[in-house]
Amino acid sequence: MDALNALTSLRKGADDVTDTSAVRENDLRQAAQQFEAIFMRQMLKEMRKVNAIFESKDNPFNSDAGRMMQGLYDDALCDSLANQQSIGIAELLVKQLSAHRD
């Protein structure tokens, strides 16, 4: 009976390790996607700065409210693109940082 209990606890420990690895992989994937979103947000912000140079003061969309709405749109766009793995930075980070290298 002791051997059966030992095998059961050993198997449960192996399942816990697998669950922990899956959680770590999921956390790594989420962090990589967040990094990709931050990277795209910074890139878009710099592109918007260049565009702002060419905008005239008479443009009705050139206001604080317009810039705020544009910033909110940019945040949502970058998060959406990162979740779709559109540029691949997140996937490369996961491959690079993953404990299970293929």
PDB file of N, CA and C in Angstrom:
ATOM      1  N   MET A   1       0.807  -1.179   0.000  1.00  0.00           N
ATOM      2  CA  MET A   1       0.000   0.000   0.000  1.00  0.00           C
ATOM      3  C   MET A   1       0.862   1.260   0.000  1.00  0.00           C
ATOM      4  N   ASP A   2       2.023   1.220   0.662  1.00  0.00           N
ATOM      5  CA  ASP A   2       2.925   2.372   0.690  1.00  0.00           C
ATOM      6  C   ASP A   2       3.487   2.682  -0.696  1.00  0.00           C
ATOM      7  N   ALA A   3       3.762   1.645  -1.466  1.00  0.00           N
ATOM      8  CA  ALA A   3       4.288   1.853  -2.816  1.00  0.00           C
ATOM      9  C   ALA A   3       3.243   2.533  -3.695  1.00  0.00           C
ATOM     10  N   LEU A   4       1.982   2.134  -3.516  1.00  0.00           N
ATOM     11  CA  LEU A   4       0.906   2.748  -4.290  1.00  0.00           C
ATOM     12  C   LEU A   4       0.761   4.223  -3.945  1.00  0.00           C
ATOM     13  N   ASN A   5       0.851   4.546  -2.663  1.00  0.00           N
ATOM     14  CA  ASN A   5       0.790   5.948  -2.236  1.00  0.00           C
ATOM     15  C   ASN A   5       1.979   6.742  -2.771  1.00  0.00           C
ATOM     16  N   ALA A   6       3.150   6.127  -2.785  1.00  0.00           N
ATOM     17  CA  ALA A   6       4.348   6.801  -3.290  1.00  0.00           C
ATOM     18  C   ALA A   6       4.215   7.092  -4.781  1.00  0.00           C
ATOM     19  N   LEU A   7       3.718   6.104  -5.546  1.00  0.00           N
ATOM     20  CA  LEU A   7       3.529   6.311  -6.979  1.00  0.00           C
ATOM     21  C   LEU A   7       2.481   7.384  -7.256  1.00  0.00           C
ATOM     22  N   THR A   8       1.409   7.369  -6.477  1.00  0.00           N
ATOM     23  CA  THR A   8       0.363   8.370  -6.649  1.00  0.00           C
ATOM     24  C   THR A   8       0.893   9.764  -6.376  1.00  0.00           C
ATOM     25  N   SER A   9       1.676   9.921  -5.299  1.00  0.00           N
ATOM     26  CA  SER A   9       2.221  11.242  -4.982  1.00  0.00           C
ATOM     27  C   SER A   9       3.272  11.665  -6.002  1.00  0.00           C
ATOM     28  N   LEU A  10       4.051  10.697  -6.500  1.00  0.00           N
ATOM     29  CA  LEU A  10       5.046  11.019  -7.528  1.00  0.00           C
ATOM     30  C   LEU A  10       4.365  11.493  -8.807  1.00  0.00           C
ATOM     31  N   ARG A  11       3.292  10.805  -9.193  1.00  0.00           N
ATOM     32  CA  ARG A  11       2.560  11.200 -10.391  1.00  0.00           C
ATOM     33  C   ARG A  11       1.915  12.562 -10.201  1.00  0.00           C
ATOM     34  N   LYS A  12       1.365  12.803  -9.022  1.00  0.00           N
ATOM     35  CA  LYS A  12       0.764  14.111  -8.747  1.00  0.00           C
ATOM     36  C   LYS A  12       1.827  15.203  -8.817  1.00  0.00           C
ATOM     37  N   GLY A  13       3.036  14.925  -8.313  1.00  0.00           N
ATOM     38  CA  GLY A  13       4.130  15.891  -8.390  1.00  0.00           C
ATOM     39  C   GLY A  13       4.529  16.176  -9.822  1.00  0.00           C
ATOM     40  N   ALA A  14       4.524  15.139 -10.665  1.00  0.00           N
ATOM     41  CA  ALA A  14       4.849  15.332 -12.084  1.00  0.00           C
ATOM     42  C   ALA A  14       3.784  16.170 -12.769  1.00  0.00           C
ATOM     43  N   ASP A  15       2.516  15.949 -12.410  1.00  0.00           N
ATOM     44  CA  ASP A  15       1.434  16.757 -12.984  1.00  0.00           C
ATOM     45  C   ASP A  15       1.566  18.206 -12.552  1.00  0.00           C
ATOM     46  N   ASP A  16       1.975  18.448 -11.293  1.00  0.00           N
ATOM     47  CA  ASP A  16       2.161  19.816 -10.810  1.00  0.00           C
ATOM     48  C   ASP A  16       3.263  20.516 -11.578  1.00  0.00           C
ATOM     49  N   VAL A  17       4.345  19.786 -11.871  1.00  0.00           N
ATOM     50  CA  VAL A  17       5.443  20.374 -12.636  1.00  0.00           C
ATOM     51  C   VAL A  17       4.961  20.746 -14.035  1.00  0.00           C
ATOM     52  N   THR A  18       4.174  19.868 -14.644  1.00  0.00           N
ATOM     53  CA  THR A  18       3.636  20.145 -15.977  1.00  0.00           C
ATOM     54  C   THR A  18       2.725  21.366 -15.929  1.00  0.00           C
ATOM     55  N   ASP A  19       1.875  21.440 -14.910  1.00  0.00           N
ATOM     56  CA  ASP A  19       0.987  22.585 -14.772  1.00  0.00           C
ATOM     57  C   ASP A  19       1.784  23.866 -14.566  1.00  0.00           C
ATOM     58  N   THR A  20       2.837  23.792 -13.759  1.00  0.00           N
ATOM     59  CA  THR A  20       3.676  24.966 -13.516  1.00  0.00           C
ATOM     60  C   THR A  20       4.368  25.405 -14.800  1.00  0.00           C
ATOM     61  N   SER A  21       4.835  24.445 -15.596  1.00  0.00           N
ATOM     62  CA  SER A  21       5.480  24.784 -16.867  1.00  0.00           C
ATOM     63  C   SER A  21       4.488  25.451 -17.815  1.00  0.00           C
ATOM     64  N   ALA A  22       3.260  24.938 -17.816  1.00  0.00           N
ATOM     65  CA  ALA A  22       2.236  25.532 -18.681  1.00  0.00           C
ATOM     66  C   ALA A  22       1.913  26.951 -18.234  1.00  0.00           C
ATOM     67  N   VAL A  23       1.855  27.163 -16.930  1.00  0.00           N
ATOM     68  CA  VAL A  23       1.588  28.504 -16.398  1.00  0.00           C
ATOM     69  C   VAL A  23       2.740  29.437 -16.751  1.00  0.00           C
ATOM     70  N   ARG A  24       3.951  28.949 -16.604  1.00  0.00           N
ATOM     71  CA  ARG A  24       5.124  29.779 -16.940  1.00  0.00           C
ATOM     72  C   ARG A  24       5.141  30.114 -18.432  1.00  0.00           C
ATOM     73  N   GLU A  25       4.821  29.142 -19.259  1.00  0.00           N
ATOM     74  CA  GLU A  25       4.777  29.374 -20.708  1.00  0.00           C
ATOM     75  C   GLU A  25       3.703  30.405 -21.047  1.00  0.00           C
ATOM     76  N   ASN A  26       2.554  30.303 -20.406  1.00  0.00           N
ATOM     77  CA  ASN A  26       1.467  31.248 -20.632  1.00  0.00           C
ATOM     78  C   ASN A  26       1.873  32.653 -20.170  1.00  0.00           C
ATOM     79  N   ASP A  27       2.514  32.735 -18.998  1.00  0.00           N
ATOM     80  CA  ASP A  27       2.987  34.032 -18.496  1.00  0.00           C
ATOM     81  C   ASP A  27       4.028  34.639 -19.428  1.00  0.00           C
ATOM     82  N   LEU A  28       4.922  33.800 -19.929  1.00  0.00           N
ATOM     83  CA  LEU A  28       5.947  34.276 -20.861  1.00  0.00           C
ATOM     84  C   LEU A  28       5.303  34.790 -22.139  1.00  0.00           C
ATOM     85  N   ARG A  29       4.304  34.059 -22.644  1.00  0.00           N
ATOM     86  CA  ARG A  29       3.621  34.479 -23.870  1.00  0.00           C
ATOM     87  C   ARG A  29       2.891  35.806 -23.670  1.00  0.00           C
ATOM     88  N   GLN A  30       2.232  35.971 -22.512  1.00  0.00           N
ATOM     89  CA  GLN A  30       1.532  37.227 -22.230  1.00  0.00           C
ATOM     90  C   GLN A  30       2.515  38.386 -22.096  1.00  0.00           C
ATOM     91  N   ALA A  31       3.627  38.158 -21.421  1.00  0.00           N
ATOM     92  CA  ALA A  31       4.632  39.212 -21.265  1.00  0.00           C
ATOM     93  C   ALA A  31       5.224  39.595 -22.619  1.00  0.00           C
ATOM     94  N   ALA A  32       5.461  38.611 -23.472  1.00  0.00           N
ATOM     95  CA  ALA A  32       6.001  38.887 -24.803  1.00  0.00           C
ATOM     96  C   ALA A  32       5.008  39.681 -25.642  1.00  0.00           C
ATOM     97  N   GLN A  33       3.720  39.354 -25.532  1.00  0.00           N
ATOM     98  CA  GLN A  33       2.704  40.116 -26.269  1.00  0.00           C
ATOM     99  C   GLN A  33       2.607  41.542 -25.750  1.00  0.00           C
ATOM    100  N   GLN A  34       2.724  41.711 -24.450  1.00  0.00           N
ATOM    101  CA  GLN A  34       2.694  43.058 -23.879  1.00  0.00           C
ATOM    102  C   GLN A  34       3.909  43.860 -24.339  1.00  0.00           C
ATOM    103  N   PHE A  35       5.069  43.200 -24.414  1.00  0.00           N
ATOM    104  CA  PHE A  35       6.268  43.881 -24.903  1.00  0.00           C
ATOM    105  C   PHE A  35       6.081  44.301 -26.360  1.00  0.00           C
ATOM    106  N   GLU A  36       5.507  43.413 -27.172  1.00  0.00           N
ATOM    107  CA  GLU A  36       5.271  43.738 -28.577  1.00  0.00           C
ATOM    108  C   GLU A  36       4.327  44.938 -28.698  1.00  0.00           C
ATOM    109  N   ALA A  37       3.293  44.976 -27.854  1.00  0.00           N
ATOM    110  CA  ALA A  37       2.351  46.105 -27.880  1.00  0.00           C
ATOM    111  C   ALA A  37       3.055  47.394 -27.484  1.00  0.00           C
ATOM    112  N   ILE A  38       3.905  47.343 -26.471  1.00  0.00           N
ATOM    113  CA  ILE A  38       4.649  48.535 -26.036  1.00  0.00           C
ATOM    114  C   ILE A  38       5.587  49.001 -27.148  1.00  0.00           C
ATOM    115  N   PHE A  39       6.255  48.065 -27.784  1.00  0.00           N
ATOM    116  CA  PHE A  39       7.170  48.401 -28.875  1.00  0.00           C
ATOM    117  C   PHE A  39       6.423  49.087 -30.012  1.00  0.00           C
ATOM    118  N   MET A  40       5.277  48.511 -30.412  1.00  0.00           N
ATOM    119  CA  MET A  40       4.500  49.113 -31.496  1.00  0.00           C
ATOM    120  C   MET A  40       3.947  50.474 -31.086  1.00  0.00           C
ATOM    121  N   ARG A  41       3.552  50.610 -29.825  1.00  0.00           N
ATOM    122  CA  ARG A  41       3.027  51.891 -29.339  1.00  0.00           C
ATOM    123  C   ARG A  41       4.097  52.977 -29.429  1.00  0.00           C
ATOM    124  N   GLN A  42       5.320  52.656 -29.043  1.00  0.00           N
ATOM    125  CA  GLN A  42       6.421  53.625 -29.135  1.00  0.00           C
ATOM    126  C   GLN A  42       6.721  53.977 -30.589  1.00  0.00           C
ATOM    127  N   MET A  43       6.700  52.982 -31.448  1.00  0.00           N
ATOM    128  CA  MET A  43       6.964  53.216 -32.863  1.00  0.00           C
ATOM    129  C   MET A  43       5.881  54.119 -33.463  1.00  0.00           C
ATOM    130  N   LEU A  44       4.630  53.847 -33.134  1.00  0.00           N
ATOM    131  CA  LEU A  44       3.522  54.653 -33.638  1.00  0.00           C
ATOM    132  C   LEU A  44       3.569  56.069 -33.081  1.00  0.00           C
ATOM    133  N   LYS A  45       3.961  56.190 -31.822  1.00  0.00           N
ATOM    134  CA  LYS A  45       4.063  57.520 -31.202  1.00  0.00           C
ATOM    135  C   LYS A  45       5.111  58.371 -31.921  1.00  0.00           C
ATOM    136  N   GLU A  46       6.233  57.780 -32.261  1.00  0.00           N
ATOM    137  CA  GLU A  46       7.276  58.515 -32.986  1.00  0.00           C
ATOM    138  C   GLU A  46       6.813  58.884 -34.386  1.00  0.00           C
ATOM    139  N   MET A  47       6.073  58.002 -35.039  1.00  0.00           N
ATOM    140  CA  MET A  47       5.551  58.335 -36.365  1.00  0.00           C
ATOM    141  C   MET A  47       4.536  59.469 -36.275  1.00  0.00           C
ATOM    142  N   ARG A  48       3.745  59.477 -35.216  1.00  0.00           N
ATOM    143  CA  ARG A  48       2.764  60.563 -35.036  1.00  0.00           C
ATOM    144  C   ARG A  48       3.472  61.903 -34.804  1.00  0.00           C
ATOM    145  N   LYS A  49       4.612  61.879 -34.123  1.00  0.00           N
ATOM    146  CA  LYS A  49       5.366  63.124 -33.897  1.00  0.00           C
ATOM    147  C   LYS A  49       5.810  63.736 -35.225  1.00  0.00           C
ATOM    148  N   VAL A  50       6.270  62.894 -36.122  1.00  0.00           N
ATOM    149  CA  VAL A  50       6.700  63.389 -37.434  1.00  0.00           C
ATOM    150  C   VAL A  50       5.503  63.962 -38.183  1.00  0.00           C
ATOM    151  N   ASN A  51       4.373  63.295 -38.102  1.00  0.00           N
ATOM    152  CA  ASN A  51       3.173  63.765 -38.771  1.00  0.00           C
ATOM    153  C   ASN A  51       2.700  65.099 -38.188  1.00  0.00           C
ATOM    154  N   ALA A  52       2.897  65.304 -36.896  1.00  0.00           N
ATOM    155  CA  ALA A  52       2.462  66.540 -36.235  1.00  0.00           C
ATOM    156  C   ALA A  52       3.202  67.761 -36.776  1.00  0.00           C
ATOM    157  N   ILE A  53       4.404  67.587 -37.273  1.00  0.00           N
ATOM    158  CA  ILE A  53       5.175  68.694 -37.830  1.00  0.00           C
ATOM    159  C   ILE A  53       4.464  69.279 -39.049  1.00  0.00           C
ATOM    160  N   PHE A  54       3.826  68.420 -39.832  1.00  0.00           N
ATOM    161  CA  PHE A  54       3.192  68.854 -41.068  1.00  0.00           C
ATOM    162  C   PHE A  54       1.754  69.330 -40.894  1.00  0.00           C
ATOM    163  N   GLU A  55       1.177  69.118 -39.716  1.00  0.00           N
ATOM    164  CA  GLU A  55      -0.207  69.540 -39.497  1.00  0.00           C
ATOM    165  C   GLU A  55      -0.277  71.043 -39.295  1.00  0.00           C
ATOM    166  N   SER A  56      -1.324  71.632 -39.810  1.00  0.00           N
ATOM    167  CA  SER A  56      -1.504  73.072 -39.645  1.00  0.00           C
ATOM    168  C   SER A  56      -2.297  73.348 -38.374  1.00  0.00           C
ATOM    169  N   LYS A  57      -2.207  74.554 -37.905  1.00  0.00           N
ATOM    170  CA  LYS A  57      -2.938  74.958 -36.701  1.00  0.00           C
ATOM    171  C   LYS A  57      -4.434  75.078 -36.971  1.00  0.00           C
ATOM    172  N   ASP A  58      -4.827  75.222 -38.228  1.00  0.00           N
ATOM    173  CA  ASP A  58      -6.229  75.380 -38.590  1.00  0.00           C
ATOM    174  C   ASP A  58      -6.971  74.050 -38.709  1.00  0.00           C
ATOM    175  N   ASN A  59      -6.267  72.953 -38.600  1.00  0.00           N
ATOM    176  CA  ASN A  59      -6.881  71.643 -38.729  1.00  0.00           C
ATOM    177  C   ASN A  59      -7.801  71.388 -37.525  1.00  0.00           C
ATOM    178  N   PRO A  60      -9.083  71.091 -37.755  1.00  0.00           N
ATOM    179  CA  PRO A  60     -10.002  70.875 -36.630  1.00  0.00           C
ATOM    180  C   PRO A  60      -9.677  69.621 -35.820  1.00  0.00           C
ATOM    181  N   PHE A  61      -8.953  68.684 -36.384  1.00  0.00           N
ATOM    182  CA  PHE A  61      -8.584  67.472 -35.661  1.00  0.00           C
ATOM    183  C   PHE A  61      -7.314  67.661 -34.834  1.00  0.00           C
ATOM    184  N   ASN A  62      -6.693  68.823 -34.968  1.00  0.00           N
ATOM    185  CA  ASN A  62      -5.469  69.126 -34.239  1.00  0.00           C
ATOM    186  C   ASN A  62      -5.848  69.819 -32.922  1.00  0.00           C
ATOM    187  N   SER A  63      -6.399  69.057 -31.993  1.00  0.00           N
ATOM    188  CA  SER A  63      -6.801  69.594 -30.694  1.00  0.00           C
ATOM    189  C   SER A  63      -6.398  68.613 -29.614  1.00  0.00           C
ATOM    190  N   ASP A  64      -6.502  69.049 -28.372  1.00  0.00           N
ATOM    191  CA  ASP A  64      -6.168  68.158 -27.262  1.00  0.00           C
ATOM    192  C   ASP A  64      -7.087  66.945 -27.240  1.00  0.00           C
ATOM    193  N   ALA A  65      -8.377  67.162 -27.469  1.00  0.00           N
ATOM    194  CA  ALA A  65      -9.334  66.058 -27.476  1.00  0.00           C
ATOM    195  C   ALA A  65      -9.045  65.094 -28.628  1.00  0.00           C
ATOM    196  N   GLY A  66      -8.722  65.642 -29.789  1.00  0.00           N
ATOM    197  CA  GLY A  66      -8.391  64.803 -30.941  1.00  0.00           C
ATOM    198  C   GLY A  66      -7.149  63.971 -30.688  1.00  0.00           C
ATOM    199  N   ARG A  67      -6.134  64.575 -30.085  1.00  0.00           N
ATOM    200  CA  ARG A  67      -4.912  63.845 -29.770  1.00  0.00           C
ATOM    201  C   ARG A  67      -5.170  62.775 -28.712  1.00  0.00           C
ATOM    202  N   MET A  68      -6.040  63.068 -27.740  1.00  0.00           N
ATOM    203  CA  MET A  68      -6.360  62.085 -26.720  1.00  0.00           C
ATOM    204  C   MET A  68      -7.077  60.881 -27.341  1.00  0.00           C
ATOM    205  N   MET A  69      -8.047  61.152 -28.200  1.00  0.00           N
ATOM    206  CA  MET A  69      -8.763  60.066 -28.864  1.00  0.00           C
ATOM    207  C   MET A  69      -7.835  59.260 -29.771  1.00  0.00           C
ATOM    208  N   GLN A  70      -6.923  59.955 -30.429  1.00  0.00           N
ATOM    209  CA  GLN A  70      -5.964  59.270 -31.288  1.00  0.00           C
ATOM    210  C   GLN A  70      -5.056  58.378 -30.445  1.00  0.00           C
ATOM    211  N   GLY A  71      -4.661  58.850 -29.262  1.00  0.00           N
ATOM    212  CA  GLY A  71      -3.838  58.048 -28.362  1.00  0.00           C
ATOM    213  C   GLY A  71      -4.572  56.809 -27.872  1.00  0.00           C
ATOM    214  N   LEU A  72      -5.852  56.953 -27.540  1.00  0.00           N
ATOM    215  CA  LEU A  72      -6.645  55.801 -27.113  1.00  0.00           C
ATOM    216  C   LEU A  72      -6.803  54.790 -28.248  1.00  0.00           C
ATOM    217  N   TYR A  73      -7.022  55.316 -29.449  1.00  0.00           N
ATOM    218  CA  TYR A  73      -7.127  54.432 -30.619  1.00  0.00           C
ATOM    219  C   TYR A  73      -5.809  53.697 -30.849  1.00  0.00           C
ATOM    220  N   ASP A  74      -4.703  54.416 -30.761  1.00  0.00           N
ATOM    221  CA  ASP A  74      -3.395  53.797 -30.964  1.00  0.00           C
ATOM    222  C   ASP A  74      -3.143  52.696 -29.942  1.00  0.00           C
ATOM    223  N   ASP A  75      -3.521  52.924 -28.675  1.00  0.00           N
ATOM    224  CA  ASP A  75      -3.345  51.903 -27.643  1.00  0.00           C
ATOM    225  C   ASP A  75      -4.149  50.653 -27.974  1.00  0.00           C
ATOM    226  N   ALA A  76      -5.409  50.833 -28.344  1.00  0.00           N
ATOM    227  CA  ALA A  76      -6.263  49.692 -28.677  1.00  0.00           C
ATOM    228  C   ALA A  76      -5.739  48.962 -29.914  1.00  0.00           C
ATOM    229  N   LEU A  77      -5.287  49.725 -30.903  1.00  0.00           N
ATOM    230  CA  LEU A  77      -4.744  49.126 -32.124  1.00  0.00           C
ATOM    231  C   LEU A  77      -3.503  48.291 -31.824  1.00  0.00           C
ATOM    232  N   CYS A  78      -2.592  48.837 -31.042  1.00  0.00           N
ATOM    233  CA  CYS A  78      -1.355  48.124 -30.722  1.00  0.00           C
ATOM    234  C   CYS A  78      -1.625  46.863 -29.906  1.00  0.00           C
ATOM    235  N   ASP A  79      -2.559  46.940 -28.953  1.00  0.00           N
ATOM    236  CA  ASP A  79      -2.913  45.749 -28.182  1.00  0.00           C
ATOM    237  C   ASP A  79      -3.524  44.681 -29.076  1.00  0.00           C
ATOM    238  N   SER A  80      -4.395  45.085 -29.978  1.00  0.00           N
ATOM    239  CA  SER A  80      -5.036  44.146 -30.893  1.00  0.00           C
ATOM    240  C   SER A  80      -4.014  43.497 -31.823  1.00  0.00           C
ATOM    241  N   LEU A  81      -3.124  44.291 -32.380  1.00  0.00           N
ATOM    242  CA  LEU A  81      -2.104  43.745 -33.275  1.00  0.00           C
ATOM    243  C   LEU A  81      -1.161  42.802 -32.548  1.00  0.00           C
ATOM    244  N   ALA A  82      -0.813  43.123 -31.303  1.00  0.00           N
ATOM    245  CA  ALA A  82       0.065  42.250 -30.531  1.00  0.00           C
ATOM    246  C   ALA A  82      -0.627  40.928 -30.209  1.00  0.00           C
ATOM    247  N   ASN A  83      -1.920  40.968 -29.912  1.00  0.00           N
ATOM    248  CA  ASN A  83      -2.659  39.732 -29.626  1.00  0.00           C
ATOM    249  C   ASN A  83      -2.776  38.846 -30.857  1.00  0.00           C
ATOM    250  N   GLN A  84      -2.751  39.449 -32.043  1.00  0.00           N
ATOM    251  CA  GLN A  84      -2.820  38.686 -33.294  1.00  0.00           C
ATOM    252  C   GLN A  84      -1.445  38.233 -33.762  1.00  0.00           C
ATOM    253  N   GLN A  85      -0.405  38.599 -33.014  1.00  0.00           N
ATOM    254  CA  GLN A  85       0.986  38.277 -33.357  1.00  0.00           C
ATOM    255  C   GLN A  85       1.302  38.735 -34.776  1.00  0.00           C
ATOM    256  N   SER A  86       0.955  39.991 -35.045  1.00  0.00           N
ATOM    257  CA  SER A  86       1.048  40.492 -36.409  1.00  0.00           C
ATOM    258  C   SER A  86       2.477  40.728 -36.887  1.00  0.00           C
ATOM    259  N   ILE A  87       3.372  41.175 -36.015  1.00  0.00           N
ATOM    260  CA  ILE A  87       4.730  41.427 -36.499  1.00  0.00           C
ATOM    261  C   ILE A  87       5.730  40.383 -36.025  1.00  0.00           C
ATOM    262  N   GLY A  88       5.334  39.510 -35.102  1.00  0.00           N
ATOM    263  CA  GLY A  88       6.162  38.364 -34.741  1.00  0.00           C
ATOM    264  C   GLY A  88       7.189  38.577 -33.647  1.00  0.00           C
ATOM    265  N   ILE A  89       7.256  39.738 -33.066  1.00  0.00           N
ATOM    266  CA  ILE A  89       8.236  39.972 -32.004  1.00  0.00           C
ATOM    267  C   ILE A  89       7.934  39.089 -30.796  1.00  0.00           C
ATOM    268  N   ALA A  90       6.665  38.975 -30.428  1.00  0.00           N
ATOM    269  CA  ALA A  90       6.286  38.167 -29.268  1.00  0.00           C
ATOM    270  C   ALA A  90       6.690  36.712 -29.465  1.00  0.00           C
ATOM    271  N   GLU A  91       6.439  36.185 -30.634  1.00  0.00           N
ATOM    272  CA  GLU A  91       6.778  34.778 -30.900  1.00  0.00           C
ATOM    273  C   GLU A  91       8.289  34.554 -30.834  1.00  0.00           C
ATOM    274  N   LEU A  92       9.056  35.487 -31.358  1.00  0.00           N
ATOM    275  CA  LEU A  92      10.514  35.371 -31.279  1.00  0.00           C
ATOM    276  C   LEU A  92      11.008  35.432 -29.836  1.00  0.00           C
ATOM    277  N   LEU A  93      10.403  36.299 -29.043  1.00  0.00           N
ATOM    278  CA  LEU A  93      10.779  36.388 -27.626  1.00  0.00           C
ATOM    279  C   LEU A  93      10.445  35.099 -26.882  1.00  0.00           C
ATOM    280  N   VAL A  94       9.284  34.529 -27.164  1.00  0.00           N
ATOM    281  CA  VAL A  94       8.904  33.278 -26.517  1.00  0.00           C
ATOM    282  C   VAL A  94       9.883  32.170 -26.894  1.00  0.00           C
ATOM    283  N   LYS A  95      10.240  32.079 -28.148  1.00  0.00           N
ATOM    284  CA  LYS A  95      11.203  31.060 -28.579  1.00  0.00           C
ATOM    285  C   LYS A  95      12.560  31.270 -27.923  1.00  0.00           C
ATOM    286  N   GLN A  96      12.979  32.518 -27.826  1.00  0.00           N
ATOM    287  CA  GLN A  96      14.286  32.832 -27.261  1.00  0.00           C
ATOM    288  C   GLN A  96      14.336  32.547 -25.757  1.00  0.00           C
ATOM    289  N   LEU A  97      13.271  32.886 -25.052  1.00  0.00           N
ATOM    290  CA  LEU A  97      13.278  32.802 -23.589  1.00  0.00           C
ATOM    291  C   LEU A  97      12.680  31.516 -23.042  1.00  0.00           C
ATOM    292  N   SER A  98      12.121  30.698 -23.898  1.00  0.00           N
ATOM    293  CA  SER A  98      11.474  29.465 -23.454  1.00  0.00           C
ATOM    294  C   SER A  98      12.502  28.463 -22.957  1.00  0.00           C
ATOM    295  N   ALA A  99      12.123  27.752 -21.909  1.00  0.00           N
ATOM    296  CA  ALA A  99      13.004  26.735 -21.358  1.00  0.00           C
ATOM    297  C   ALA A  99      13.076  25.508 -22.257  1.00  0.00           C
ATOM    298  N   HIS A 100      12.025  25.275 -23.030  1.00  0.00           N
ATOM    299  CA  HIS A 100      11.952  24.133 -23.926  1.00  0.00           C
ATOM    300  C   HIS A 100      12.283  24.583 -25.340  1.00  0.00           C
ATOM    301  N   ARG A 101      13.534  24.583 -25.661  1.00  0.00           N
ATOM    302  CA  ARG A 101      13.951  25.032 -27.002  1.00  0.00           C
ATOM    303  C   ARG A 101      13.740  23.917 -28.010  1.00  0.00           C
ATOM    304  N   ASP A 102      13.212  24.321 -29.151  1.00  0.00           N
ATOM    305  CA  ASP A 102      12.962  23.316 -30.213  1.00  0.00           C
ATOM    306  C   ASP A 102      14.179  23.135 -31.072  1.00  0.00           C
TER     307      ASP A 102
END
